[in-house]
Amino acid sequence: MAQTRLKVPPTKSTLLILKRKLAFLEQGHGLLERKKELLTRLVYERLKQYRQLREQLHEHFKQAYHWLSLTQMRMSDQSLQQTALGLSKPFDINVLPRSSLGIHYPAVNINPLPLQPIGLMGTDSSFDETRHHLINLVHLLAQLGEVETALWRLLEEQRKTQKRVNALKYNIIPSYSATIHFIKSTLEEDERNTLFQIKILKQRSEVQ
């Protein structure tokens, strides 16, 4: 299929301008290819982290609900609710901005705080185990949220970069190359016609 040419006049100045632009486009294409490779590597790294965290979460969910069920059996629901309402927060959460290759995503930092002592009346030792496992679960969920957000944004940027690479490779650069080739051919043909006319005029002058 013939490549679409740019609508520009076939002059020497146009040829020089297009050659400079083509060199710039080819350089940009190389940089985008490099960016695509880096994005692909980051995507696979984040995907590996995501799968590992999902596996860890599955196990931690089982442990946390095991202890929570045990605590619910040993303590009444009303006692459990009253005890939980009186507790202070078990961790501090900080959400900070991070970026990779200009792609921004939140980084979630959770700092566990010392467990608040509780009274012995109406409580069970399993309550502390439940709190401990739930805190670990929240920490993993925060990590998973960070990794998942980064992964989706990396995938979106990878998709955009691939579209730009394809546009340059299959549309823009071939259009410039075809136009440059056309202008070169046109200028060479004009030059041949000019030389031919000069030769004819010279021959006529010699005959006269």
C-alpha atoms as a PDB file:
ATOM      1  CA  MET A   1       0.000   0.000   0.000  1.00  0.00           C
ATOM      2  CA  ALA A   2       1.375   3.399  -1.012  1.00  0.00           C
ATOM      3  CA  GLN A   3       2.332   5.569   1.917  1.00  0.00           C
ATOM      4  CA  THR A   4       0.522   8.924   2.183  1.00  0.00           C
ATOM      5  CA  ARG A   5       2.822  11.864   1.496  1.00  0.00           C
ATOM      6  CA  LEU A   6       2.808  15.195   3.271  1.00  0.00           C
ATOM      7  CA  LYS A   7       1.224  18.122   1.452  1.00  0.00           C
ATOM      8  CA  VAL A   8       4.306  20.318   1.070  1.00  0.00           C
ATOM      9  CA  PRO A   9       5.957  22.019  -1.918  1.00  0.00           C
ATOM     10  CA  PRO A  10       8.770  19.938  -3.499  1.00  0.00           C
ATOM     11  CA  THR A  11      11.571  22.443  -2.956  1.00  0.00           C
ATOM     12  CA  LYS A  12      15.130  22.165  -1.660  1.00  0.00           C
ATOM     13  CA  SER A  13      14.322  24.159   1.477  1.00  0.00           C
ATOM     14  CA  THR A  14      11.391  21.844   2.213  1.00  0.00           C
ATOM     15  CA  LEU A  15      13.676  18.845   1.706  1.00  0.00           C
ATOM     16  CA  LEU A  16      16.187  20.155   4.254  1.00  0.00           C
ATOM     17  CA  ILE A  17      13.448  20.891   6.790  1.00  0.00           C
ATOM     18  CA  LEU A  18      11.899  17.439   6.377  1.00  0.00           C
ATOM     19  CA  LYS A  19      15.272  15.723   6.751  1.00  0.00           C
ATOM     20  CA  ARG A  20      15.857  17.521  10.062  1.00  0.00           C
ATOM     21  CA  LYS A  21      12.370  16.651  11.275  1.00  0.00           C
ATOM     22  CA  LEU A  22      12.796  13.018  10.219  1.00  0.00           C
ATOM     23  CA  ALA A  23      16.048  12.738  12.174  1.00  0.00           C
ATOM     24  CA  PHE A  24      14.262  14.181  15.218  1.00  0.00           C
ATOM     25  CA  LEU A  25      11.333  11.764  14.802  1.00  0.00           C
ATOM     26  CA  GLU A  26      13.661   8.771  14.486  1.00  0.00           C
ATOM     27  CA  GLN A  27      15.469   9.861  17.648  1.00  0.00           C
ATOM     28  CA  GLY A  28      12.125  10.221  19.433  1.00  0.00           C
ATOM     29  CA  HIS A  29      11.079   6.783  18.209  1.00  0.00           C
ATOM     30  CA  GLY A  30      14.247   5.285  19.684  1.00  0.00           C
ATOM     31  CA  LEU A  31      13.618   6.981  23.025  1.00  0.00           C
ATOM     32  CA  LEU A  32      10.015   5.766  23.094  1.00  0.00           C
ATOM     33  CA  GLU A  33      11.143   2.219  22.324  1.00  0.00           C
ATOM     34  CA  ARG A  34      13.545   2.439  25.264  1.00  0.00           C
ATOM     35  CA  LYS A  35      10.774   3.801  27.484  1.00  0.00           C
ATOM     36  CA  LYS A  36       8.474   0.964  26.399  1.00  0.00           C
ATOM     37  CA  GLU A  37      11.116  -1.595  27.357  1.00  0.00           C
ATOM     38  CA  LEU A  38      11.607   0.008  30.782  1.00  0.00           C
ATOM     39  CA  LEU A  39       7.844   0.137  31.332  1.00  0.00           C
ATOM     40  CA  THR A  40       7.534  -3.531  30.399  1.00  0.00           C
ATOM     41  CA  ARG A  41      10.218  -4.432  32.930  1.00  0.00           C
ATOM     42  CA  LEU A  42       8.512  -2.380  35.647  1.00  0.00           C
ATOM     43  CA  VAL A  43       5.147  -3.960  34.818  1.00  0.00           C
ATOM     44  CA  TYR A  44       6.551  -7.473  35.244  1.00  0.00           C
ATOM     45  CA  GLU A  45       8.226  -6.470  38.529  1.00  0.00           C
ATOM     46  CA  ARG A  46       4.987  -5.003  39.891  1.00  0.00           C
ATOM     47  CA  LEU A  47       2.978  -7.966  38.622  1.00  0.00           C
ATOM     48  CA  LYS A  48       5.300 -10.322  40.499  1.00  0.00           C
ATOM     49  CA  GLN A  49       4.873  -8.254  43.695  1.00  0.00           C
ATOM     50  CA  TYR A  50       1.102  -8.183  43.184  1.00  0.00           C
ATOM     51  CA  ARG A  51       0.862 -11.974  42.898  1.00  0.00           C
ATOM     52  CA  GLN A  52       3.091 -12.508  45.929  1.00  0.00           C
ATOM     53  CA  LEU A  53       1.004 -10.110  48.031  1.00  0.00           C
ATOM     54  CA  ARG A  54      -2.230 -11.779  46.918  1.00  0.00           C
ATOM     55  CA  GLU A  55      -0.884 -15.130  48.109  1.00  0.00           C
ATOM     56  CA  GLN A  56       0.260 -13.661  51.433  1.00  0.00           C
ATOM     57  CA  LEU A  57      -3.094 -11.938  51.907  1.00  0.00           C
ATOM     58  CA  HIS A  58      -4.973 -15.165  51.354  1.00  0.00           C
ATOM     59  CA  GLU A  59      -3.043 -16.817  54.190  1.00  0.00           C
ATOM     60  CA  HIS A  60      -3.279 -13.777  56.493  1.00  0.00           C
ATOM     61  CA  PHE A  61      -7.033 -13.511  55.918  1.00  0.00           C
ATOM     62  CA  LYS A  62      -7.450 -17.114  57.043  1.00  0.00           C
ATOM     63  CA  GLN A  63      -5.359 -16.515  60.181  1.00  0.00           C
ATOM     64  CA  ALA A  64      -7.059 -13.222  61.055  1.00  0.00           C
ATOM     65  CA  TYR A  65     -10.584 -14.642  60.691  1.00  0.00           C
ATOM     66  CA  HIS A  66      -9.598 -17.744  62.608  1.00  0.00           C
ATOM     67  CA  TRP A  67      -8.572 -15.647  65.623  1.00  0.00           C
ATOM     68  CA  LEU A  68     -11.527 -13.296  65.218  1.00  0.00           C
ATOM     69  CA  SER A  69     -13.938 -16.255  65.242  1.00  0.00           C
ATOM     70  CA  LEU A  70     -12.193 -17.637  68.299  1.00  0.00           C
ATOM     71  CA  THR A  71     -12.453 -14.293  70.083  1.00  0.00           C
ATOM     72  CA  GLN A  72     -16.151 -13.992  69.198  1.00  0.00           C
ATOM     73  CA  MET A  73     -16.805 -17.414  70.702  1.00  0.00           C
ATOM     74  CA  ARG A  74     -14.948 -16.631  73.940  1.00  0.00           C
ATOM     75  CA  MET A  75     -16.245 -13.068  74.328  1.00  0.00           C
ATOM     76  CA  SER A  76     -19.788 -11.888  73.748  1.00  0.00           C
ATOM     77  CA  ASP A  77     -20.423  -9.633  70.764  1.00  0.00           C
ATOM     78  CA  GLN A  78     -21.410  -6.785  73.079  1.00  0.00           C
ATOM     79  CA  SER A  79     -18.229  -7.146  75.154  1.00  0.00           C
ATOM     80  CA  LEU A  80     -16.103  -7.296  72.004  1.00  0.00           C
ATOM     81  CA  GLN A  81     -17.699  -4.163  70.567  1.00  0.00           C
ATOM     82  CA  GLN A  82     -17.345  -2.203  73.805  1.00  0.00           C
ATOM     83  CA  THR A  83     -13.687  -3.210  74.174  1.00  0.00           C
ATOM     84  CA  ALA A  84     -12.905  -2.324  70.565  1.00  0.00           C
ATOM     85  CA  LEU A  85     -14.580   1.096  70.845  1.00  0.00           C
ATOM     86  CA  GLY A  86     -12.341   2.040  73.735  1.00  0.00           C
ATOM     87  CA  LEU A  87      -9.098   1.299  71.920  1.00  0.00           C
ATOM     88  CA  SER A  88      -6.880   3.935  70.327  1.00  0.00           C
ATOM     89  CA  LYS A  89      -5.739   3.613  66.719  1.00  0.00           C
ATOM     90  CA  PRO A  90      -3.241   0.778  66.249  1.00  0.00           C
ATOM     91  CA  PHE A  91      -1.154   2.414  63.507  1.00  0.00           C
ATOM     92  CA  ASP A  92      -0.293   5.642  61.703  1.00  0.00           C
ATOM     93  CA  ILE A  93      -0.892   5.883  57.954  1.00  0.00           C
ATOM     94  CA  ASN A  94       1.047   8.206  55.664  1.00  0.00           C
ATOM     95  CA  VAL A  95       0.330   8.480  51.940  1.00  0.00           C
ATOM     96  CA  LEU A  96       3.222   9.983  49.999  1.00  0.00           C
ATOM     97  CA  PRO A  97       3.644  10.621  46.258  1.00  0.00           C
ATOM     98  CA  ARG A  98       6.056   8.456  44.312  1.00  0.00           C
ATOM     99  CA  SER A  99       6.920   8.213  40.623  1.00  0.00           C
ATOM    100  CA  SER A 100       8.591   5.895  38.132  1.00  0.00           C
ATOM    101  CA  LEU A 101       9.438   7.175  34.640  1.00  0.00           C
ATOM    102  CA  GLY A 102       7.240  10.200  35.327  1.00  0.00           C
ATOM    103  CA  ILE A 103       4.261   8.055  36.358  1.00  0.00           C
ATOM    104  CA  HIS A 104       2.864   9.157  39.716  1.00  0.00           C
ATOM    105  CA  TYR A 105       1.213   6.828  42.227  1.00  0.00           C
ATOM    106  CA  PRO A 106       0.679   6.904  46.011  1.00  0.00           C
ATOM    107  CA  ALA A 107       3.039   5.181  48.412  1.00  0.00           C
ATOM    108  CA  VAL A 108       1.284   3.993  51.573  1.00  0.00           C
ATOM    109  CA  ASN A 109       3.368   3.755  54.750  1.00  0.00           C
ATOM    110  CA  ILE A 110       1.861   2.131  57.833  1.00  0.00           C
ATOM    111  CA  ASN A 111       3.665   2.427  61.158  1.00  0.00           C
ATOM    112  CA  PRO A 112       2.237   0.041  63.783  1.00  0.00           C
ATOM    113  CA  LEU A 113       1.845   1.538  67.255  1.00  0.00           C
ATOM    114  CA  PRO A 114       2.233  -0.405  70.514  1.00  0.00           C
ATOM    115  CA  LEU A 115      -0.917  -2.323  71.340  1.00  0.00           C
ATOM    116  CA  GLN A 116      -2.966  -0.543  73.994  1.00  0.00           C
ATOM    117  CA  PRO A 117      -3.328  -2.607  77.188  1.00  0.00           C
ATOM    118  CA  ILE A 118      -6.874  -3.649  78.013  1.00  0.00           C
ATOM    119  CA  GLY A 119      -8.521  -4.733  81.234  1.00  0.00           C
ATOM    120  CA  LEU A 120      -8.783  -8.433  82.042  1.00  0.00           C
ATOM    121  CA  MET A 121     -12.480  -8.349  82.914  1.00  0.00           C
ATOM    122  CA  GLY A 122     -14.660  -9.609  80.069  1.00  0.00           C
ATOM    123  CA  THR A 123     -11.737 -10.129  77.683  1.00  0.00           C
ATOM    124  CA  ASP A 124      -9.783 -13.123  76.416  1.00  0.00           C
ATOM    125  CA  SER A 125      -6.131 -13.621  75.485  1.00  0.00           C
ATOM    126  CA  SER A 126      -7.222 -14.373  71.906  1.00  0.00           C
ATOM    127  CA  PHE A 127      -8.281 -10.701  71.579  1.00  0.00           C
ATOM    128  CA  ASP A 128      -4.625  -9.578  71.434  1.00  0.00           C
ATOM    129  CA  GLU A 129      -3.872 -12.226  68.820  1.00  0.00           C
ATOM    130  CA  THR A 130      -6.817 -11.004  66.783  1.00  0.00           C
ATOM    131  CA  ARG A 131      -5.610  -7.406  66.961  1.00  0.00           C
ATOM    132  CA  HIS A 132      -2.108  -8.454  65.962  1.00  0.00           C
ATOM    133  CA  HIS A 133      -3.294 -10.399  62.903  1.00  0.00           C
ATOM    134  CA  LEU A 134      -5.715  -7.679  61.821  1.00  0.00           C
ATOM    135  CA  ILE A 135      -2.950  -5.060  61.940  1.00  0.00           C
ATOM    136  CA  ASN A 136      -0.747  -7.268  59.774  1.00  0.00           C
ATOM    137  CA  LEU A 137      -3.674  -7.726  57.407  1.00  0.00           C
ATOM    138  CA  VAL A 138      -4.205  -3.976  57.054  1.00  0.00           C
ATOM    139  CA  HIS A 139      -0.504  -3.517  56.393  1.00  0.00           C
ATOM    140  CA  LEU A 140      -0.588  -6.063  53.563  1.00  0.00           C
ATOM    141  CA  LEU A 141      -3.792  -4.554  52.141  1.00  0.00           C
ATOM    142  CA  ALA A 142      -2.111  -1.152  52.023  1.00  0.00           C
ATOM    143  CA  GLN A 143       0.881  -2.650  50.223  1.00  0.00           C
ATOM    144  CA  LEU A 144      -1.410  -4.418  47.780  1.00  0.00           C
ATOM    145  CA  GLY A 145      -3.302  -1.180  47.091  1.00  0.00           C
ATOM    146  CA  GLU A 146      -0.051   0.645  46.379  1.00  0.00           C
ATOM    147  CA  VAL A 147       1.253  -2.080  44.067  1.00  0.00           C
ATOM    148  CA  GLU A 148      -2.088  -2.465  42.257  1.00  0.00           C
ATOM    149  CA  THR A 149      -2.422   1.281  41.668  1.00  0.00           C
ATOM    150  CA  ALA A 150       1.144   1.504  40.372  1.00  0.00           C
ATOM    151  CA  LEU A 151       0.592  -1.549  38.161  1.00  0.00           C
ATOM    152  CA  TRP A 152      -2.551  -0.152  36.521  1.00  0.00           C
ATOM    153  CA  ARG A 153      -0.921   3.222  35.896  1.00  0.00           C
ATOM    154  CA  LEU A 154       2.187   1.569  34.447  1.00  0.00           C
ATOM    155  CA  LEU A 155      -0.005  -0.548  32.156  1.00  0.00           C
ATOM    156  CA  GLU A 156      -1.911   2.550  30.999  1.00  0.00           C
ATOM    157  CA  GLU A 157       1.338   4.408  30.284  1.00  0.00           C
ATOM    158  CA  GLN A 158       2.704   1.349  28.501  1.00  0.00           C
ATOM    159  CA  ARG A 159      -0.410   1.278  26.293  1.00  0.00           C
ATOM    160  CA  LYS A 160      -0.037   4.989  25.454  1.00  0.00           C
ATOM    161  CA  THR A 161       3.672   4.581  24.710  1.00  0.00           C
ATOM    162  CA  GLN A 162       2.966   1.600  22.430  1.00  0.00           C
ATOM    163  CA  LYS A 163       0.404   3.688  20.508  1.00  0.00           C
ATOM    164  CA  ARG A 164       2.968   6.489  20.045  1.00  0.00           C
ATOM    165  CA  VAL A 165       5.622   3.992  18.930  1.00  0.00           C
ATOM    166  CA  ASN A 166       3.241   2.452  16.391  1.00  0.00           C
ATOM    167  CA  ALA A 167       2.127   5.859  15.116  1.00  0.00           C
ATOM    168  CA  LEU A 168       5.737   6.909  14.526  1.00  0.00           C
ATOM    169  CA  LYS A 169       6.828   3.570  13.075  1.00  0.00           C
ATOM    170  CA  TYR A 170       3.897   2.838  10.775  1.00  0.00           C
ATOM    171  CA  ASN A 171       2.483   6.273   9.948  1.00  0.00           C
ATOM    172  CA  ILE A 172       4.465   9.430  10.689  1.00  0.00           C
ATOM    173  CA  ILE A 173       8.040   8.317   9.877  1.00  0.00           C
ATOM    174  CA  PRO A 174       6.994   6.472   6.662  1.00  0.00           C
ATOM    175  CA  SER A 175       5.045   9.591   5.568  1.00  0.00           C
ATOM    176  CA  TYR A 176       8.120  11.767   6.025  1.00  0.00           C
ATOM    177  CA  SER A 177      10.337   9.208   4.281  1.00  0.00           C
ATOM    178  CA  ALA A 178       7.927   8.905   1.346  1.00  0.00           C
ATOM    179  CA  THR A 179       7.692  12.701   1.033  1.00  0.00           C
ATOM    180  CA  ILE A 180      11.486  13.085   1.139  1.00  0.00           C
ATOM    181  CA  HIS A 181      11.859  10.399  -1.521  1.00  0.00           C
ATOM    182  CA  PHE A 182       9.211  12.124  -3.676  1.00  0.00           C
ATOM    183  CA  ILE A 183      10.859  15.557  -3.349  1.00  0.00           C
ATOM    184  CA  LYS A 184      14.282  14.089  -4.185  1.00  0.00           C
ATOM    185  CA  SER A 185      12.860  12.396  -7.276  1.00  0.00           C
ATOM    186  CA  THR A 186      11.062  15.584  -8.304  1.00  0.00           C
ATOM    187  CA  LEU A 187      14.172  17.739  -7.866  1.00  0.00           C
ATOM    188  CA  GLU A 188      16.319  15.229  -9.764  1.00  0.00           C
ATOM    189  CA  GLU A 189      13.781  15.128 -12.584  1.00  0.00           C
ATOM    190  CA  ASP A 190      13.677  18.942 -12.701  1.00  0.00           C
ATOM    191  CA  GLU A 191      17.460  18.993 -12.775  1.00  0.00           C
ATOM    192  CA  ARG A 192      17.571  16.502 -15.648  1.00  0.00           C
ATOM    193  CA  ASN A 193      14.970  18.526 -17.566  1.00  0.00           C
ATOM    194  CA  THR A 194      16.942  21.693 -16.983  1.00  0.00           C
ATOM    195  CA  LEU A 195      20.179  20.078 -18.168  1.00  0.00           C
ATOM    196  CA  PHE A 196      18.385  18.653 -21.205  1.00  0.00           C
ATOM    197  CA  GLN A 197      16.977  22.080 -22.112  1.00  0.00           C
ATOM    198  CA  ILE A 198      20.406  23.674 -21.679  1.00  0.00           C
ATOM    199  CA  LYS A 199      21.906  21.012 -23.937  1.00  0.00           C
ATOM    200  CA  ILE A 200      19.238  21.633 -26.622  1.00  0.00           C
ATOM    201  CA  LEU A 201      19.780  25.400 -26.459  1.00  0.00           C
ATOM    202  CA  LYS A 202      23.518  24.909 -26.732  1.00  0.00           C
ATOM    203  CA  GLN A 203      23.133  22.655 -29.758  1.00  0.00           C
ATOM    204  CA  ARG A 204      20.867  25.214 -31.484  1.00  0.00           C
ATOM    205  CA  SER A 205      23.304  28.025 -30.800  1.00  0.00           C
ATOM    206  CA  GLU A 206      26.135  25.971 -32.294  1.00  0.00           C
ATOM    207  CA  VAL A 207      24.093  25.221 -35.431  1.00  0.00           C
ATOM    208  CA  GLN A 208      23.346  28.901 -35.943  1.00  0.00           C
END
